[in-house]
C-alpha atoms as a PDB file:
ATOM      1  CA  MET A   1      98.021 -61.283 -41.791  1.00  0.00           C
ATOM      2  CA  PRO A   2      94.351 -60.463 -41.077  1.00  0.00           C
ATOM      3  CA  ILE A   3      92.828 -62.179 -38.054  1.00  0.00           C
ATOM      4  CA  PRO A   4      89.300 -63.631 -38.443  1.00  0.00           C
ATOM      5  CA  PHE A   5      87.182 -62.397 -35.543  1.00  0.00           C
ATOM      6  CA  SER A   6      83.568 -62.923 -34.471  1.00  0.00           C
ATOM      7  CA  CYS A   7      82.053 -60.448 -31.986  1.00  0.00           C
ATOM      8  CA  PRO A   8      80.748 -62.372 -28.924  1.00  0.00           C
ATOM      9  CA  HIS A   9      77.910 -59.847 -28.579  1.00  0.00           C
ATOM     10  CA  CYS A  10      76.481 -59.281 -32.102  1.00  0.00           C
ATOM     11  CA  GLN A  11      78.149 -62.227 -33.903  1.00  0.00           C
ATOM     12  CA  ALA A  12      79.388 -59.934 -36.650  1.00  0.00           C
ATOM     13  CA  GLU A  13      82.286 -61.592 -38.473  1.00  0.00           C
ATOM     14  CA  THR A  14      85.204 -59.420 -39.608  1.00  0.00           C
ATOM     15  CA  LEU A  15      88.876 -59.586 -40.554  1.00  0.00           C
ATOM     16  CA  VAL A  16      91.024 -57.538 -38.106  1.00  0.00           C
ATOM     17  CA  ASP A  17      94.569 -56.417 -38.948  1.00  0.00           C
ATOM     18  CA  ASP A  18      97.121 -58.441 -36.966  1.00  0.00           C
ATOM     19  CA  GLN A  19      98.578 -55.279 -35.361  1.00  0.00           C
ATOM     20  CA  TYR A  20      95.488 -55.236 -33.091  1.00  0.00           C
ATOM     21  CA  ALA A  21      96.083 -58.761 -31.772  1.00  0.00           C
ATOM     22  CA  ASN A  22      95.440 -59.106 -27.985  1.00  0.00           C
ATOM     23  CA  GLN A  23      94.125 -55.528 -27.842  1.00  0.00           C
ATOM     24  CA  THR A  24      90.803 -54.420 -26.347  1.00  0.00           C
ATOM     25  CA  GLY A  25      88.430 -51.945 -27.964  1.00  0.00           C
ATOM     26  CA  ASP A  26      84.867 -51.336 -29.190  1.00  0.00           C
ATOM     27  CA  CYS A  27      83.152 -53.550 -31.817  1.00  0.00           C
ATOM     28  CA  ALA A  28      82.765 -51.615 -35.065  1.00  0.00           C
ATOM     29  CA  ILE A  29      79.257 -53.039 -35.458  1.00  0.00           C
ATOM     30  CA  CYS A  30      77.602 -53.038 -32.024  1.00  0.00           C
ATOM     31  CA  GLY A  31      80.003 -50.712 -30.131  1.00  0.00           C
ATOM     32  CA  ARG A  32      80.446 -53.074 -27.184  1.00  0.00           C
ATOM     33  CA  GLU A  33      83.873 -53.893 -25.711  1.00  0.00           C
ATOM     34  CA  ILE A  34      85.802 -56.726 -27.348  1.00  0.00           C
ATOM     35  CA  THR A  35      89.326 -58.207 -27.247  1.00  0.00           C
ATOM     36  CA  VAL A  36      90.976 -59.216 -30.498  1.00  0.00           C
ATOM     37  CA  PRO A  37      92.540 -62.685 -30.197  1.00  0.00           C
ATOM     38  CA  SER A  38      96.183 -63.386 -30.971  1.00  0.00           C
ATOM     39  CA  LEU A  39      97.330 -64.437 -34.437  1.00  0.00           C
ATOM     40  CA  PRO A  40      97.015 -68.254 -34.874  1.00  0.00           C
ATOM     41  CA  ALA A  41     100.057 -70.330 -35.779  1.00  0.00           C
ATOM     42  CA  THR A  42     100.925 -70.751 -39.483  1.00  0.00           C
ATOM     43  CA  GLY A  43      98.853 -73.484 -41.092  1.00  0.00           C
ATOM     44  CA  ASP A  44      96.125 -73.144 -38.511  1.00  0.00           C
ATOM     45  CA  THR A  45      94.467 -70.083 -39.983  1.00  0.00           C
ATOM     46  CA  PRO A  46      90.775 -70.919 -40.191  1.00  0.00           C
ATOM     47  CA  ILE A  47      88.813 -70.067 -43.251  1.00  0.00           C
ATOM     48  CA  PRO A  48      86.398 -67.321 -42.287  1.00  0.00           C
ATOM     49  CA  ARG A  49      82.714 -68.176 -42.698  1.00  0.00           C
ATOM     50  CA  PHE A  50      80.501 -65.273 -43.501  1.00  0.00           C
ATOM     51  CA  ARG A  51      76.841 -65.628 -42.625  1.00  0.00           C
ATOM     52  CA  PRO A  52      74.556 -63.689 -44.890  1.00  0.00           C
ATOM     53  CA  THR A  53      72.268 -61.214 -43.243  1.00  0.00           C
ATOM     54  CA  HIS A  54      68.488 -61.597 -43.555  1.00  0.00           C
ATOM     55  CA  GLN A  55      68.347 -58.806 -46.132  1.00  0.00           C
ATOM     56  CA  SER A  56      71.046 -60.281 -48.375  1.00  0.00           C
ATOM     57  CA  HIS A  57      69.421 -63.729 -48.130  1.00  0.00           C
ATOM     58  CA  ARG A  58      66.088 -62.224 -49.157  1.00  0.00           C
ATOM     59  CA  ARG A  59      67.736 -60.506 -52.140  1.00  0.00           C
ATOM     60  CA  SER A  60      69.262 -63.842 -53.165  1.00  0.00           C
ATOM     61  CA  LEU A  61      65.888 -65.566 -52.997  1.00  0.00           C
ATOM     62  CA  ILE A  62      64.255 -62.838 -55.050  1.00  0.00           C
ATOM     63  CA  THR A  63      67.052 -63.060 -57.604  1.00  0.00           C
ATOM     64  CA  ALA A  64      66.666 -66.864 -57.787  1.00  0.00           C
ATOM     65  CA  VAL A  65      62.888 -66.601 -58.232  1.00  0.00           C
ATOM     66  CA  VAL A  66      63.255 -63.962 -60.945  1.00  0.00           C
ATOM     67  CA  LEU A  67      65.832 -66.077 -62.752  1.00  0.00           C
ATOM     68  CA  SER A  68      63.614 -69.173 -62.435  1.00  0.00           C
ATOM     69  CA  LEU A  69      60.564 -67.348 -63.750  1.00  0.00           C
ATOM     70  CA  GLY A  70      62.635 -65.913 -66.554  1.00  0.00           C
ATOM     71  CA  GLY A  71      63.867 -69.387 -67.428  1.00  0.00           C
ATOM     72  CA  LEU A  72      60.343 -70.773 -67.407  1.00  0.00           C
ATOM     73  CA  ALA A  73      59.159 -67.916 -69.598  1.00  0.00           C
ATOM     74  CA  ALA A  74      61.960 -68.617 -72.049  1.00  0.00           C
ATOM     75  CA  VAL A  75      61.102 -72.333 -72.112  1.00  0.00           C
ATOM     76  CA  ALA A  76      57.404 -71.547 -72.606  1.00  0.00           C
ATOM     77  CA  ALA A  77      58.194 -69.120 -75.412  1.00  0.00           C
ATOM     78  CA  THR A  78      60.453 -71.674 -77.093  1.00  0.00           C
ATOM     79  CA  PHE A  79      57.783 -74.372 -76.760  1.00  0.00           C
ATOM     80  CA  GLY A  80      55.160 -72.027 -78.191  1.00  0.00           C
ATOM     81  CA  ILE A  81      57.363 -71.271 -81.182  1.00  0.00           C
ATOM     82  CA  LEU A  82      57.968 -74.994 -81.769  1.00  0.00           C
ATOM     83  CA  VAL A  83      54.211 -75.697 -81.594  1.00  0.00           C
ATOM     84  CA  TRP A  84      53.512 -72.825 -83.988  1.00  0.00           C
ATOM     85  CA  ILE A  85      56.086 -74.209 -86.420  1.00  0.00           C
ATOM     86  CA  ALA A  86      54.968 -77.847 -86.073  1.00  0.00           C
ATOM     87  CA  LEU A  87      51.186 -77.287 -86.091  1.00  0.00           C
ATOM     88  CA  PRO A  88      50.782 -77.017 -89.883  1.00  0.00           C
ATOM     89  CA  PHE A  89      52.711 -80.265 -90.315  1.00  0.00           C
ATOM     90  CA  VAL A  90      50.582 -82.035 -87.686  1.00  0.00           C
ATOM     91  CA  GLN A  91      47.372 -80.782 -89.274  1.00  0.00           C
ATOM     92  CA  SER A  92      48.592 -81.748 -92.736  1.00  0.00           C
ATOM     93  CA  ASN A  93      49.436 -85.264 -91.574  1.00  0.00           C
ATOM     94  CA  GLN A  94      46.042 -85.593 -89.898  1.00  0.00           C
ATOM     95  CA  LEU A  95      44.210 -84.491 -93.038  1.00  0.00           C
ATOM     96  CA  ARG A  96      46.222 -86.941 -95.114  1.00  0.00           C
ATOM     97  CA  SER A  97      45.442 -89.714 -92.635  1.00  0.00           C
ATOM     98  CA  TYR A  98      41.712 -88.906 -92.794  1.00  0.00           C
ATOM     99  CA  ARG A  99      41.826 -88.947 -96.571  1.00  0.00           C
ATOM    100  CA  LEU A 100      43.600 -92.308 -96.728  1.00  0.00           C
ATOM    101  CA  GLN A 101      41.250 -93.886 -94.169  1.00  0.00           C
ATOM    102  CA  SER A 102      38.219 -92.694 -96.130  1.00  0.00           C
ATOM    103  CA  ASN A 103      39.642 -94.271 -99.259  1.00  0.00           C
ATOM    104  CA  GLN A 104      40.309 -97.540 -97.436  1.00  0.00           C
ATOM    105  CA  HIS A 105      36.670 -97.690 -96.353  1.00  0.00           C
ATOM    106  CA  LEU A 106      35.527 -96.901 -99.876  1.00  0.00           C
ATOM    107  CA  GLN A 107      37.691 -99.650-101.346  1.00  0.00           C
ATOM    108  CA  ARG A 108      36.276-102.181 -98.885  1.00  0.00           C
ATOM    109  CA  ILE A 109      32.775-101.217 -99.980  1.00  0.00           C
ATOM    110  CA  ALA A 110      33.754-101.535-103.647  1.00  0.00           C
ATOM    111  CA  LEU A 111      35.182-105.015-103.017  1.00  0.00           C
ATOM    112  CA  ALA A 112      31.997-106.032-101.193  1.00  0.00           C
ATOM    113  CA  MET A 113      29.969-104.807-104.185  1.00  0.00           C
ATOM    114  CA  ARG A 114      31.979-106.994-106.556  1.00  0.00           C
ATOM    115  CA  ASN A 115      31.735-110.023-104.261  1.00  0.00           C
ATOM    116  CA  TYR A 116      27.980-109.523-104.017  1.00  0.00           C
ATOM    117  CA  HIS A 117      27.843-109.465-107.823  1.00  0.00           C
ATOM    118  CA  ASN A 118      29.849-112.697-107.979  1.00  0.00           C
ATOM    119  CA  ASP A 119      27.333-114.428-105.683  1.00  0.00           C
ATOM    120  CA  HIS A 120      24.097-112.961-107.057  1.00  0.00           C
ATOM    121  CA  GLY A 121      24.923-112.215-110.684  1.00  0.00           C
ATOM    122  CA  SER A 122      24.186-108.520-110.196  1.00  0.00           C
ATOM    123  CA  TYR A 123      25.002-105.605-107.936  1.00  0.00           C
ATOM    124  CA  PRO A 124      22.667-104.944-105.001  1.00  0.00           C
ATOM    125  CA  PRO A 125      19.752-102.641-105.793  1.00  0.00           C
ATOM    126  CA  ALA A 126      19.765 -99.180-104.283  1.00  0.00           C
ATOM    127  CA  TYR A 127      16.945-100.434-102.066  1.00  0.00           C
ATOM    128  CA  VAL A 128      14.593-103.356-101.582  1.00  0.00           C
ATOM    129  CA  ALA A 129      10.943-102.292-101.981  1.00  0.00           C
ATOM    130  CA  ASP A 130       7.743-103.750-100.554  1.00  0.00           C
ATOM    131  CA  SER A 131       4.723-104.733-102.658  1.00  0.00           C
ATOM    132  CA  ASN A 132       3.664-101.090-102.848  1.00  0.00           C
ATOM    133  CA  GLY A 133       7.053 -99.899-104.049  1.00  0.00           C
ATOM    134  CA  ARG A 134       7.964 -98.348-100.715  1.00  0.00           C
ATOM    135  CA  PRO A 135      11.706 -98.533 -99.944  1.00  0.00           C
ATOM    136  CA  MET A 136      12.316-101.082 -97.178  1.00  0.00           C
ATOM    137  CA  HIS A 137      16.054-101.777 -96.950  1.00  0.00           C
ATOM    138  CA  SER A 138      19.218-100.081 -98.164  1.00  0.00           C
ATOM    139  CA  TRP A 139      21.992-101.635-100.213  1.00  0.00           C
ATOM    140  CA  ARG A 140      24.183-100.886 -97.202  1.00  0.00           C
ATOM    141  CA  VAL A 141      22.222-103.500 -95.251  1.00  0.00           C
ATOM    142  CA  LEU A 142      22.488-106.071 -98.058  1.00  0.00           C
ATOM    143  CA  LEU A 143      26.278-105.657 -98.112  1.00  0.00           C
ATOM    144  CA  LEU A 144      26.766-106.320 -94.387  1.00  0.00           C
ATOM    145  CA  PRO A 145      27.705-110.029 -94.777  1.00  0.00           C
ATOM    146  CA  TYR A 146      30.343-109.023 -97.331  1.00  0.00           C
ATOM    147  CA  LEU A 147      31.851-106.522 -94.900  1.00  0.00           C
ATOM    148  CA  ASP A 148      32.244-108.999 -92.022  1.00  0.00           C
ATOM    149  CA  GLU A 149      29.295-107.395 -90.239  1.00  0.00           C
ATOM    150  CA  HIS A 150      27.464-110.697 -89.724  1.00  0.00           C
ATOM    151  CA  ALA A 151      26.189-109.941 -86.208  1.00  0.00           C
ATOM    152  CA  THR A 152      24.604-106.669 -87.311  1.00  0.00           C
ATOM    153  CA  TYR A 153      23.077-108.328 -90.382  1.00  0.00           C
ATOM    154  CA  GLU A 154      21.563-111.121 -88.276  1.00  0.00           C
ATOM    155  CA  GLN A 155      20.048-108.562 -85.919  1.00  0.00           C
ATOM    156  CA  TYR A 156      18.456-106.658 -88.797  1.00  0.00           C
ATOM    157  CA  ASP A 157      14.881-107.871 -89.383  1.00  0.00           C
ATOM    158  CA  LEU A 158      14.255-107.967 -93.148  1.00  0.00           C
ATOM    159  CA  SER A 159      10.534-108.523 -92.533  1.00  0.00           C
ATOM    160  CA  LYS A 160      10.266-104.994 -91.130  1.00  0.00           C
ATOM    161  CA  PRO A 161      11.036-101.691 -92.858  1.00  0.00           C
ATOM    162  CA  TRP A 162      14.170 -99.785 -91.962  1.00  0.00           C
ATOM    163  CA  ASP A 163      12.393 -97.354 -89.613  1.00  0.00           C
ATOM    164  CA  GLU A 164      10.852-100.158 -87.525  1.00  0.00           C
ATOM    165  CA  GLN A 165      14.095-101.823 -86.550  1.00  0.00           C
ATOM    166  CA  THR A 166      15.080-102.185 -82.893  1.00  0.00           C
ATOM    167  CA  LEU A 167      16.264 -99.132 -81.003  1.00  0.00           C
ATOM    168  CA  GLU A 168      19.548-100.918 -80.396  1.00  0.00           C
ATOM    169  CA  LEU A 169      20.139-101.305 -84.127  1.00  0.00           C
ATOM    170  CA  GLN A 170      19.128 -97.698 -84.729  1.00  0.00           C
ATOM    171  CA  SER A 171      21.659 -96.461 -82.167  1.00  0.00           C
ATOM    172  CA  PRO A 172      24.413 -94.306 -83.713  1.00  0.00           C
ATOM    173  CA  LEU A 173      26.881 -96.599 -81.967  1.00  0.00           C
ATOM    174  CA  ARG A 174      25.853 -99.476 -84.234  1.00  0.00           C
ATOM    175  CA  ILE A 175      26.942 -97.882 -87.503  1.00  0.00           C
ATOM    176  CA  PRO A 176      29.517-100.131 -89.201  1.00  0.00           C
ATOM    177  CA  ARG A 177      32.784 -98.236 -89.172  1.00  0.00           C
ATOM    178  CA  VAL A 178      33.297 -98.906 -92.872  1.00  0.00           C
ATOM    179  CA  TYR A 179      30.362 -96.587 -93.632  1.00  0.00           C
ATOM    180  CA  THR A 180      32.009 -93.685 -91.805  1.00  0.00           C
ATOM    181  CA  SER A 181      34.679 -91.178 -92.746  1.00  0.00           C
ATOM    182  CA  PRO A 182      36.998 -89.824 -90.027  1.00  0.00           C
ATOM    183  CA  ALA A 183      36.724 -86.427 -91.709  1.00  0.00           C
ATOM    184  CA  ASP A 184      32.920 -86.499 -91.359  1.00  0.00           C
ATOM    185  CA  ALA A 185      32.075 -85.934 -87.688  1.00  0.00           C
ATOM    186  CA  ASP A 186      28.346 -86.558 -88.216  1.00  0.00           C
ATOM    187  CA  SER A 187      28.942 -90.106 -89.415  1.00  0.00           C
ATOM    188  CA  ALA A 188      30.114 -91.418 -86.055  1.00  0.00           C
ATOM    189  CA  THR A 189      28.174 -88.974 -83.867  1.00  0.00           C
ATOM    190  CA  PHE A 190      24.750 -89.531 -85.421  1.00  0.00           C
ATOM    191  CA  GLY A 191      25.228 -92.843 -87.224  1.00  0.00           C
ATOM    192  CA  HIS A 192      24.909 -91.190 -90.632  1.00  0.00           C
ATOM    193  CA  THR A 193      26.569 -92.779 -93.631  1.00  0.00           C
ATOM    194  CA  SER A 194      29.468 -91.054 -95.368  1.00  0.00           C
ATOM    195  CA  PHE A 195      29.110 -93.215 -98.499  1.00  0.00           C
ATOM    196  CA  VAL A 196      26.206 -93.330-100.926  1.00  0.00           C
ATOM    197  CA  VAL A 197      25.355 -94.388-104.460  1.00  0.00           C
ATOM    198  CA  ILE A 198      23.782 -92.250-107.172  1.00  0.00           C
ATOM    199  CA  THR A 199      20.272 -93.359-108.062  1.00  0.00           C
ATOM    200  CA  GLY A 200      18.116 -92.637-111.088  1.00  0.00           C
ATOM    201  CA  LYS A 201      17.617 -93.602-114.700  1.00  0.00           C
ATOM    202  CA  GLN A 202      20.748 -94.705-116.537  1.00  0.00           C
ATOM    203  CA  THR A 203      22.743 -95.015-113.304  1.00  0.00           C
ATOM    204  CA  MET A 204      24.109 -98.224-111.794  1.00  0.00           C
ATOM    205  CA  PHE A 205      21.371 -98.058-109.176  1.00  0.00           C
ATOM    206  CA  PRO A 206      17.957 -97.407-110.735  1.00  0.00           C
ATOM    207  CA  GLY A 207      15.913 -97.769-107.574  1.00  0.00           C
ATOM    208  CA  PRO A 208      14.813-101.310-106.663  1.00  0.00           C
ATOM    209  CA  ARG A 209      16.206-102.881-109.839  1.00  0.00           C
ATOM    210  CA  SER A 210      19.583-104.600-109.863  1.00  0.00           C
ATOM    211  CA  THR A 211      22.219-103.990-112.523  1.00  0.00           C
ATOM    212  CA  ARG A 212      24.524-106.602-114.051  1.00  0.00           C
ATOM    213  CA  SER A 213      28.059-105.725-115.080  1.00  0.00           C
ATOM    214  CA  SER A 214      27.199-106.689-118.661  1.00  0.00           C
ATOM    215  CA  GLN A 215      24.636-103.856-118.752  1.00  0.00           C
ATOM    216  CA  ILE A 216      27.307-101.223-118.127  1.00  0.00           C
ATOM    217  CA  GLU A 217      27.980-100.372-121.756  1.00  0.00           C
ATOM    218  CA  ASP A 218      30.103 -97.337-120.950  1.00  0.00           C
ATOM    219  CA  GLY A 219      32.596 -99.666-119.281  1.00  0.00           C
ATOM    220  CA  LEU A 220      33.216-100.471-115.633  1.00  0.00           C
ATOM    221  CA  ALA A 221      36.180 -98.094-115.529  1.00  0.00           C
ATOM    222  CA  GLY A 222      34.055 -95.171-116.717  1.00  0.00           C
ATOM    223  CA  THR A 223      31.011 -95.577-114.461  1.00  0.00           C
ATOM    224  CA  ILE A 224      30.589 -94.327-110.902  1.00  0.00           C
ATOM    225  CA  MET A 225      29.660 -96.955-108.323  1.00  0.00           C
ATOM    226  CA  VAL A 226      29.983 -95.449-104.796  1.00  0.00           C
ATOM    227  CA  VAL A 227      30.777 -91.867-103.770  1.00  0.00           C
ATOM    228  CA  GLU A 228      31.599 -89.883-100.667  1.00  0.00           C
ATOM    229  CA  ARG A 229      28.947 -87.642 -99.144  1.00  0.00           C
ATOM    230  CA  HIS A 230      29.615 -85.612 -95.993  1.00  0.00           C
ATOM    231  CA  ASN A 231      26.877 -84.374 -93.649  1.00  0.00           C
ATOM    232  CA  SER A 232      24.492 -86.689 -95.491  1.00  0.00           C
ATOM    233  CA  GLY A 233      21.866 -86.743 -92.743  1.00  0.00           C
ATOM    234  CA  ILE A 234      21.131 -90.327 -93.822  1.00  0.00           C
ATOM    235  CA  PRO A 235      21.084 -93.061 -91.149  1.00  0.00           C
ATOM    236  CA  TRP A 236      23.296 -95.812 -92.548  1.00  0.00           C
ATOM    237  CA  TYR A 237      20.406 -98.318 -92.789  1.00  0.00           C
ATOM    238  CA  GLN A 238      17.954 -95.868 -94.424  1.00  0.00           C
ATOM    239  CA  PRO A 239      17.244 -96.613 -98.112  1.00  0.00           C
ATOM    240  CA  ARG A 240      18.175 -93.130 -99.303  1.00  0.00           C
ATOM    241  CA  ASP A 241      21.050 -91.891-101.489  1.00  0.00           C
ATOM    242  CA  LEU A 242      21.907 -89.146-103.972  1.00  0.00           C
ATOM    243  CA  LYS A 243      19.372 -88.653-106.760  1.00  0.00           C
ATOM    244  CA  SER A 244      20.886 -87.809-110.123  1.00  0.00           C
ATOM    245  CA  ALA A 245      17.834 -85.728-111.063  1.00  0.00           C
ATOM    246  CA  GLN A 246      18.551 -83.367-108.164  1.00  0.00           C
ATOM    247  CA  MET A 247      22.308 -83.045-108.699  1.00  0.00           C
ATOM    248  CA  GLN A 248      24.307 -80.276-110.342  1.00  0.00           C
ATOM    249  CA  PHE A 249      27.353 -82.621-110.491  1.00  0.00           C
ATOM    250  CA  GLN A 250      29.616 -80.062-108.816  1.00  0.00           C
ATOM    251  CA  ILE A 251      32.166 -81.725-106.549  1.00  0.00           C
ATOM    252  CA  ASN A 252      31.735 -80.266-103.046  1.00  0.00           C
ATOM    253  CA  GLY A 253      28.924 -78.080-104.306  1.00  0.00           C
ATOM    254  CA  SER A 254      25.901 -77.176-102.193  1.00  0.00           C
ATOM    255  CA  GLY A 255      22.845 -79.408-102.187  1.00  0.00           C
ATOM    256  CA  GLN A 256      22.901 -83.066-103.237  1.00  0.00           C
ATOM    257  CA  GLU A 257      26.433 -83.538-104.507  1.00  0.00           C
ATOM    258  CA  ILE A 258      29.491 -85.728-104.217  1.00  0.00           C
ATOM    259  CA  SER A 259      31.264 -84.067-101.292  1.00  0.00           C
ATOM    260  CA  SER A 260      33.623 -84.426 -98.353  1.00  0.00           C
ATOM    261  CA  ASN A 261      35.464 -82.476 -95.685  1.00  0.00           C
ATOM    262  CA  HIS A 262      38.789 -83.252 -97.356  1.00  0.00           C
ATOM    263  CA  PRO A 263      40.341 -80.079 -98.774  1.00  0.00           C
ATOM    264  CA  GLY A 264      40.099 -79.881-102.541  1.00  0.00           C
ATOM    265  CA  GLY A 265      37.855 -82.778-103.466  1.00  0.00           C
ATOM    266  CA  ALA A 266      36.127 -86.042-102.561  1.00  0.00           C
ATOM    267  CA  TRP A 267      36.452 -89.775-103.120  1.00  0.00           C
ATOM    268  CA  LEU A 268      34.530 -91.944-105.561  1.00  0.00           C
ATOM    269  CA  THR A 269      35.001 -95.433-106.928  1.00  0.00           C
ATOM    270  CA  THR A 270      34.149 -96.728-110.384  1.00  0.00           C
ATOM    271  CA  ALA A 271      32.603-100.125-111.091  1.00  0.00           C
ATOM    272  CA  ASP A 272      35.983-101.733-111.774  1.00  0.00           C
ATOM    273  CA  GLY A 273      37.026-101.040-108.166  1.00  0.00           C
ATOM    274  CA  THR A 274      39.339 -98.106-108.834  1.00  0.00           C
ATOM    275  CA  SER A 275      38.994 -95.196-106.414  1.00  0.00           C
ATOM    276  CA  TYR A 276      39.679 -91.599-107.355  1.00  0.00           C
ATOM    277  CA  PHE A 277      40.084 -88.438-105.350  1.00  0.00           C
ATOM    278  CA  VAL A 278      38.216 -86.099-107.682  1.00  0.00           C
ATOM    279  CA  ARG A 279      39.041 -82.411-107.548  1.00  0.00           C
ATOM    280  CA  ASP A 280      36.595 -79.578-106.988  1.00  0.00           C
ATOM    281  CA  SER A 281      37.620 -78.215-110.368  1.00  0.00           C
ATOM    282  CA  LEU A 282      36.410 -81.270-112.303  1.00  0.00           C
ATOM    283  CA  SER A 283      33.861 -80.191-114.929  1.00  0.00           C
ATOM    284  CA  THR A 284      30.220 -80.914-114.157  1.00  0.00           C
ATOM    285  CA  ASP A 285      29.700 -82.428-117.625  1.00  0.00           C
ATOM    286  CA  PHE A 286      32.487 -84.885-116.975  1.00  0.00           C
ATOM    287  CA  VAL A 287      31.087 -85.864-113.566  1.00  0.00           C
ATOM    288  CA  GLN A 288      27.628 -86.348-115.071  1.00  0.00           C
ATOM    289  CA  SER A 289      29.027 -88.559-117.836  1.00  0.00           C
ATOM    290  CA  LEU A 290      30.475 -90.852-115.169  1.00  0.00           C
ATOM    291  CA  THR A 291      27.054 -91.458-113.608  1.00  0.00           C
ATOM    292  CA  THR A 292      25.471 -93.187-116.624  1.00  0.00           C
ATOM    293  CA  ILE A 293      25.955 -96.831-117.601  1.00  0.00           C
ATOM    294  CA  ALA A 294      25.019 -96.545-121.272  1.00  0.00           C
ATOM    295  CA  GLY A 295      25.114 -92.867-122.170  1.00  0.00           C
ATOM    296  CA  GLY A 296      27.583 -93.354-124.983  1.00  0.00           C
ATOM    297  CA  GLU A 297      29.654 -90.382-123.813  1.00  0.00           C
ATOM    298  CA  ARG A 298      33.378 -90.335-124.307  1.00  0.00           C
ATOM    299  CA  VAL A 299      34.793 -90.466-120.796  1.00  0.00           C
ATOM    300  CA  PRO A 300      38.321 -88.955-120.741  1.00  0.00           C
ATOM    301  CA  LEU A 301      39.663 -91.038-117.871  1.00  0.00           C
ATOM    302  CA  GLU A 302      43.044 -89.367-118.227  1.00  0.00           C
ATOM    303  CA  GLU A 303      41.481 -86.446-116.351  1.00  0.00           C
ATOM    304  CA  LEU A 304      41.148 -88.722-113.349  1.00  0.00           C
ATOM    305  CA  SER A 305      44.037 -91.117-113.516  1.00  0.00           C
ATOM    306  CA  ASP A 306      47.082 -89.180-112.376  1.00  0.00           C
ATOM    307  CA  ASP A 307      49.070 -91.189-109.872  1.00  0.00           C
ATOM    308  CA  LEU A 308      48.480 -88.766-107.021  1.00  0.00           C
ATOM    309  CA  ASN A 309      44.720 -89.108-107.098  1.00  0.00           C
ATOM    310  CA  THR A 310      44.184 -92.741-108.064  1.00  0.00           C
ATOM    311  CA  MET A 311      44.287 -95.793-105.812  1.00  0.00           C
ATOM    312  CA  ARG A 312      43.352 -99.376-106.509  1.00  0.00           C
END
């Protein structure tokens, strides 16, 4: 039976054959004289403990570090793959959320328009003019009480034009959230509106004149009331909107057009309160026919009213 032995000089631990018990000789490691102990009694054989040398310990540490780094690299690679797979879904959900929030804001504005009509017998004019015909106040200001923006409305001084209001009111931070679109960064950053009306002859908003629902001969369901407009550059309280005379009626076209940052189209609402996500591919003639209140055009609403694009 091998005898566990530890050199008293170099502390090297070895197993010595029992035939060398009680014999004296040189240590195989350090060469100094040693005496091998006698064989212990049965059952008392100690379990030899081997102490790793500095070099083997260092190799173990290096191996552990390499394995740890390899594991971290594998985890990082797996995480990267998961992010790469999930990113399109996250972006898609965010775009859908932006689109739905924009529509919610638009529907609130449409409801405020109808409530204003119920109280005043007509829709608000595109703007209130002074005695010289100069635009003073936007319809967006007139709607504030109907959007639960009473504090902002009370702070607005109707005796002064829009560009002479207090600096506090003109701050981008004061824009009512309902006039912003989460997909339109400029709306919140600069206080620019994301929602406008279309002004001009035969539209619902012919400048400073108000329109009654009874004057909309083409039908409330076939007449545009409020539309989305991204990067408008229009402070929310400024009496400025899209002008039909300057439009090409191309959804998401360049220039003065109905537009948004939503992929594929933009939101609009008709005078009956129905909102539509209109596609880029919608014909310009059709869009133009929706802007008039008494043009006599046949408005094929079936082009708009598929369930995926209509909300009320």
